C-alpha atoms as a PDB file:
ATOM      1  CA  UNK A   1     145.714 151.966  66.276  1.00  0.00           C
ATOM      2  CA  UNK A   2     147.714 152.257  63.057  1.00  0.00           C
ATOM      3  CA  UNK A   3     146.385 153.960  59.955  1.00  0.00           C
ATOM      4  CA  UNK A   4     145.815 150.570  58.326  1.00  0.00           C
ATOM      5  CA  UNK A   5     143.441 149.321  61.053  1.00  0.00           C
ATOM      6  CA  UNK A   6     139.688 149.731  60.955  1.00  0.00           C
ATOM      7  CA  UNK A   7     136.859 148.192  62.974  1.00  0.00           C
ATOM      8  CA  UNK A   8     133.611 146.810  61.594  1.00  0.00           C
ATOM      9  CA  UNK A   9     130.718 146.450  64.059  1.00  0.00           C
ATOM     10  CA  UNK A  10     127.552 144.528  63.238  1.00  0.00           C
ATOM     11  CA  UNK A  11     124.791 142.688  65.047  1.00  0.00           C
ATOM     12  CA  UNK A  12     123.831 139.105  64.284  1.00  0.00           C
ATOM     13  CA  UNK A  13     125.134 136.736  61.648  1.00  0.00           C
ATOM     14  CA  UNK A  14     123.666 138.183  58.450  1.00  0.00           C
ATOM     15  CA  UNK A  15     126.663 140.420  57.733  1.00  0.00           C
ATOM     16  CA  UNK A  16     129.067 139.748  54.872  1.00  0.00           C
ATOM     17  CA  UNK A  17     131.755 139.925  57.598  1.00  0.00           C
ATOM     18  CA  UNK A  18     130.365 136.978  59.609  1.00  0.00           C
ATOM     19  CA  UNK A  19     132.508 134.340  57.792  1.00  0.00           C
ATOM     20  CA  UNK A  20     135.668 136.304  58.711  1.00  0.00           C
ATOM     21  CA  UNK A  21     134.580 136.386  62.368  1.00  0.00           C
ATOM     22  CA  UNK A  22     133.950 132.629  62.323  1.00  0.00           C
ATOM     23  CA  UNK A  23     137.322 131.961  60.671  1.00  0.00           C
ATOM     24  CA  UNK A  24     139.341 133.850  63.298  1.00  0.00           C
ATOM     25  CA  UNK A  25     137.421 132.309  66.187  1.00  0.00           C
ATOM     26  CA  UNK A  26     137.855 128.831  64.690  1.00  0.00           C
ATOM     27  CA  UNK A  27     141.580 129.442  64.196  1.00  0.00           C
ATOM     28  CA  UNK A  28     142.164 130.700  67.752  1.00  0.00           C
ATOM     29  CA  UNK A  29     139.695 128.767  69.898  1.00  0.00           C
ATOM     30  CA  UNK A  30     139.099 125.521  67.990  1.00  0.00           C
ATOM     31  CA  UNK A  31     142.466 124.960  66.270  1.00  0.00           C
ATOM     32  CA  UNK A  32     144.881 126.534  68.788  1.00  0.00           C
ATOM     33  CA  UNK A  33     143.075 126.068  72.111  1.00  0.00           C
ATOM     34  CA  UNK A  34     141.309 122.844  71.090  1.00  0.00           C
ATOM     35  CA  UNK A  35     137.826 123.957  72.147  1.00  0.00           C
ATOM     36  CA  UNK A  36     135.113 121.827  70.582  1.00  0.00           C
ATOM     37  CA  UNK A  37     133.569 123.733  67.671  1.00  0.00           C
ATOM     38  CA  UNK A  38     130.085 122.922  68.995  1.00  0.00           C
ATOM     39  CA  UNK A  39     130.925 125.019  72.081  1.00  0.00           C
ATOM     40  CA  UNK A  40     132.427 127.941  70.165  1.00  0.00           C
ATOM     41  CA  UNK A  41     129.383 129.059  68.198  1.00  0.00           C
ATOM     42  CA  UNK A  42     126.157 129.334  70.150  1.00  0.00           C
ATOM     43  CA  UNK A  43     122.575 130.565  70.210  1.00  0.00           C
ATOM     44  CA  UNK A  44     123.760 134.031  71.293  1.00  0.00           C
ATOM     45  CA  UNK A  45     125.396 134.846  67.936  1.00  0.00           C
ATOM     46  CA  UNK A  46     122.233 136.349  66.357  1.00  0.00           C
ATOM     47  CA  UNK A  47     121.708 138.852  69.186  1.00  0.00           C
ATOM     48  CA  UNK A  48     125.381 139.669  69.797  1.00  0.00           C
ATOM     49  CA  UNK A  49     127.242 142.684  68.487  1.00  0.00           C
ATOM     50  CA  UNK A  50     130.365 141.452  66.686  1.00  0.00           C
ATOM     51  CA  UNK A  51     133.496 143.546  66.253  1.00  0.00           C
ATOM     52  CA  UNK A  52     136.062 142.756  63.583  1.00  0.00           C
ATOM     53  CA  UNK A  53     139.410 144.525  63.253  1.00  0.00           C
ATOM     54  CA  UNK A  54     140.734 144.783  59.719  1.00  0.00           C
ATOM     55  CA  UNK A  55     144.397 145.466  59.024  1.00  0.00           C
ATOM     56  CA  UNK A  56     144.602 146.994  55.557  1.00  0.00           C
ATOM     57  CA  UNK A  57     141.360 145.162  54.782  1.00  0.00           C
ATOM     58  CA  UNK A  58     142.522 141.782  56.156  1.00  0.00           C
ATOM     59  CA  UNK A  59     140.624 140.283  59.135  1.00  0.00           C
ATOM     60  CA  UNK A  60     142.920 140.381  62.177  1.00  0.00           C
ATOM     61  CA  UNK A  61     140.867 140.126  65.385  1.00  0.00           C
ATOM     62  CA  UNK A  62     137.338 139.732  66.733  1.00  0.00           C
ATOM     63  CA  UNK A  63     135.167 139.916  69.829  1.00  0.00           C
ATOM     64  CA  UNK A  64     131.494 140.181  70.705  1.00  0.00           C
ATOM     65  CA  UNK A  65     129.196 141.595  73.359  1.00  0.00           C
ATOM     66  CA  UNK A  66     125.506 141.287  74.178  1.00  0.00           C
ATOM     67  CA  UNK A  67     123.047 142.422  76.810  1.00  0.00           C
ATOM     68  CA  UNK A  68     121.996 140.084  79.615  1.00  0.00           C
ATOM     69  CA  UNK A  69     119.915 140.551  82.759  1.00  0.00           C
ATOM     70  CA  UNK A  70     123.201 141.283  84.585  1.00  0.00           C
ATOM     71  CA  UNK A  71     124.498 143.927  82.152  1.00  0.00           C
ATOM     72  CA  UNK A  72     126.624 143.595  79.034  1.00  0.00           C
ATOM     73  CA  UNK A  73     128.775 140.515  78.624  1.00  0.00           C
ATOM     74  CA  UNK A  74     131.909 140.814  76.513  1.00  0.00           C
ATOM     75  CA  UNK A  75     133.734 137.817  75.133  1.00  0.00           C
ATOM     76  CA  UNK A  76     135.244 135.785  72.341  1.00  0.00           C
ATOM     77  CA  UNK A  77     138.282 138.085  72.098  1.00  0.00           C
ATOM     78  CA  UNK A  78     140.568 136.502  69.517  1.00  0.00           C
ATOM     79  CA  UNK A  79     143.476 137.865  67.487  1.00  0.00           C
ATOM     80  CA  UNK A  80     144.877 135.946  64.547  1.00  0.00           C
ATOM     81  CA  UNK A  81     148.445 134.780  65.234  1.00  0.00           C
ATOM     82  CA  UNK A  82     150.234 137.019  62.659  1.00  0.00           C
ATOM     83  CA  UNK A  83     148.604 140.123  64.197  1.00  0.00           C
ATOM     84  CA  UNK A  84     149.320 139.519  67.885  1.00  0.00           C
ATOM     85  CA  UNK A  85     151.304 142.062  69.866  1.00  0.00           C
ATOM     86  CA  UNK A  86     150.144 144.971  67.713  1.00  0.00           C
ATOM     87  CA  UNK A  87     147.434 146.418  69.963  1.00  0.00           C
ATOM     88  CA  UNK A  88     144.520 144.749  68.197  1.00  0.00           C
ATOM     89  CA  UNK A  89     143.118 143.208  71.384  1.00  0.00           C
ATOM     90  CA  UNK A  90     143.245 146.608  73.050  1.00  0.00           C
ATOM     91  CA  UNK A  91     141.525 148.225  70.046  1.00  0.00           C
ATOM     92  CA  UNK A  92     138.751 145.612  70.258  1.00  0.00           C
ATOM     93  CA  UNK A  93     138.279 146.153  73.973  1.00  0.00           C
ATOM     94  CA  UNK A  94     138.262 149.957  73.672  1.00  0.00           C
ATOM     95  CA  UNK A  95     135.770 149.859  70.789  1.00  0.00           C
ATOM     96  CA  UNK A  96     133.504 147.468  72.727  1.00  0.00           C
ATOM     97  CA  UNK A  97     133.542 149.622  75.842  1.00  0.00           C
ATOM     98  CA  UNK A  98     132.847 152.729  73.780  1.00  0.00           C
ATOM     99  CA  UNK A  99     129.892 151.081  72.022  1.00  0.00           C
ATOM    100  CA  UNK A 100     128.431 149.869  75.306  1.00  0.00           C
ATOM    101  CA  UNK A 101     128.880 153.288  76.930  1.00  0.00           C
ATOM    102  CA  UNK A 102     126.937 154.792  74.008  1.00  0.00           C
ATOM    103  CA  UNK A 103     123.914 152.537  74.553  1.00  0.00           C
ATOM    104  CA  UNK A 104     123.948 151.719  78.281  1.00  0.00           C
ATOM    105  CA  UNK A 105     122.826 153.770  81.245  1.00  0.00           C
ATOM    106  CA  UNK A 106     125.395 155.036  83.714  1.00  0.00           C
ATOM    107  CA  UNK A 107     126.121 152.398  86.334  1.00  0.00           C
ATOM    108  CA  UNK A 108     125.453 149.471  83.969  1.00  0.00           C
ATOM    109  CA  UNK A 109     127.648 146.451  84.618  1.00  0.00           C
ATOM    110  CA  UNK A 110     130.040 145.212  81.928  1.00  0.00           C
ATOM    111  CA  UNK A 111     131.523 141.792  82.580  1.00  0.00           C
ATOM    112  CA  UNK A 112     133.498 138.983  81.001  1.00  0.00           C
ATOM    113  CA  UNK A 113     135.046 135.601  81.668  1.00  0.00           C
ATOM    114  CA  UNK A 114     138.773 136.114  81.207  1.00  0.00           C
ATOM    115  CA  UNK A 115     141.124 133.260  80.589  1.00  0.00           C
ATOM    116  CA  UNK A 116     143.292 133.456  83.707  1.00  0.00           C
ATOM    117  CA  UNK A 117     146.494 134.263  81.800  1.00  0.00           C
ATOM    118  CA  UNK A 118     144.832 137.381  80.306  1.00  0.00           C
ATOM    119  CA  UNK A 119     143.609 138.905  83.585  1.00  0.00           C
ATOM    120  CA  UNK A 120     146.234 141.674  83.639  1.00  0.00           C
ATOM    121  CA  UNK A 121     145.170 142.813  80.149  1.00  0.00           C
ATOM    122  CA  UNK A 122     141.629 143.475  81.374  1.00  0.00           C
ATOM    123  CA  UNK A 123     142.767 144.922  84.725  1.00  0.00           C
ATOM    124  CA  UNK A 124     144.780 147.514  82.784  1.00  0.00           C
ATOM    125  CA  UNK A 125     141.466 148.623  81.258  1.00  0.00           C
ATOM    126  CA  UNK A 126     139.630 148.967  84.564  1.00  0.00           C
ATOM    127  CA  UNK A 127     138.147 145.497  85.053  1.00  0.00           C
ATOM    128  CA  UNK A 128     138.412 143.837  88.471  1.00  0.00           C
ATOM    129  CA  UNK A 129     138.364 140.143  89.336  1.00  0.00           C
ATOM    130  CA  UNK A 130     135.232 138.948  91.136  1.00  0.00           C
ATOM    131  CA  UNK A 131     135.303 135.513  92.718  1.00  0.00           C
ATOM    132  CA  UNK A 132     137.466 132.471  92.298  1.00  0.00           C
ATOM    133  CA  UNK A 133     138.977 130.832  89.253  1.00  0.00           C
ATOM    134  CA  UNK A 134     136.684 128.390  87.436  1.00  0.00           C
ATOM    135  CA  UNK A 135     136.931 126.091  84.449  1.00  0.00           C
ATOM    136  CA  UNK A 136     135.160 126.943  81.200  1.00  0.00           C
ATOM    137  CA  UNK A 137     135.609 124.692  78.170  1.00  0.00           C
ATOM    138  CA  UNK A 138     138.551 123.073  79.977  1.00  0.00           C
ATOM    139  CA  UNK A 139     140.424 126.389  80.403  1.00  0.00           C
ATOM    140  CA  UNK A 140     140.879 128.310  83.701  1.00  0.00           C
ATOM    141  CA  UNK A 141     138.883 131.581  83.778  1.00  0.00           C
ATOM    142  CA  UNK A 142     137.916 134.337  86.204  1.00  0.00           C
ATOM    143  CA  UNK A 143     134.891 136.616  86.254  1.00  0.00           C
ATOM    144  CA  UNK A 144     135.810 140.278  85.774  1.00  0.00           C
ATOM    145  CA  UNK A 145     133.647 143.393  85.783  1.00  0.00           C
ATOM    146  CA  UNK A 146     133.508 147.172  85.600  1.00  0.00           C
ATOM    147  CA  UNK A 147     130.695 149.698  85.332  1.00  0.00           C
ATOM    148  CA  UNK A 148     129.746 152.323  82.745  1.00  0.00           C
END
């Protein structure tokens, strides 16, 4: 991560950073990938931990994670177009895994639904594909997991 990057982590939607998270997710998922906005923001937002990467104070990428009965689910990884290819997605993933490892017991499952094209990115970080490809919001995905 460059010297100009920092990561803000907060839970819920009461943070002053929440509008920046919504803006990046709207830009990437709603505008670029044409996912209906009613599907993008859900009832899980208040309990989720949100991560926001800032590049010299400018919002550049986001993701979230939250606890479920099956472990910790990661998702909503999105990097604003001008910041792609600079390691921001990796920084988000590493920070998420680190946060989960700090709060979860050893052996806890961490999982996500990866868009199929991004599978190699998550495999490079220790995730493995479980099961067959499926459609989510009209986009092919696979279930991936690893353990703390």
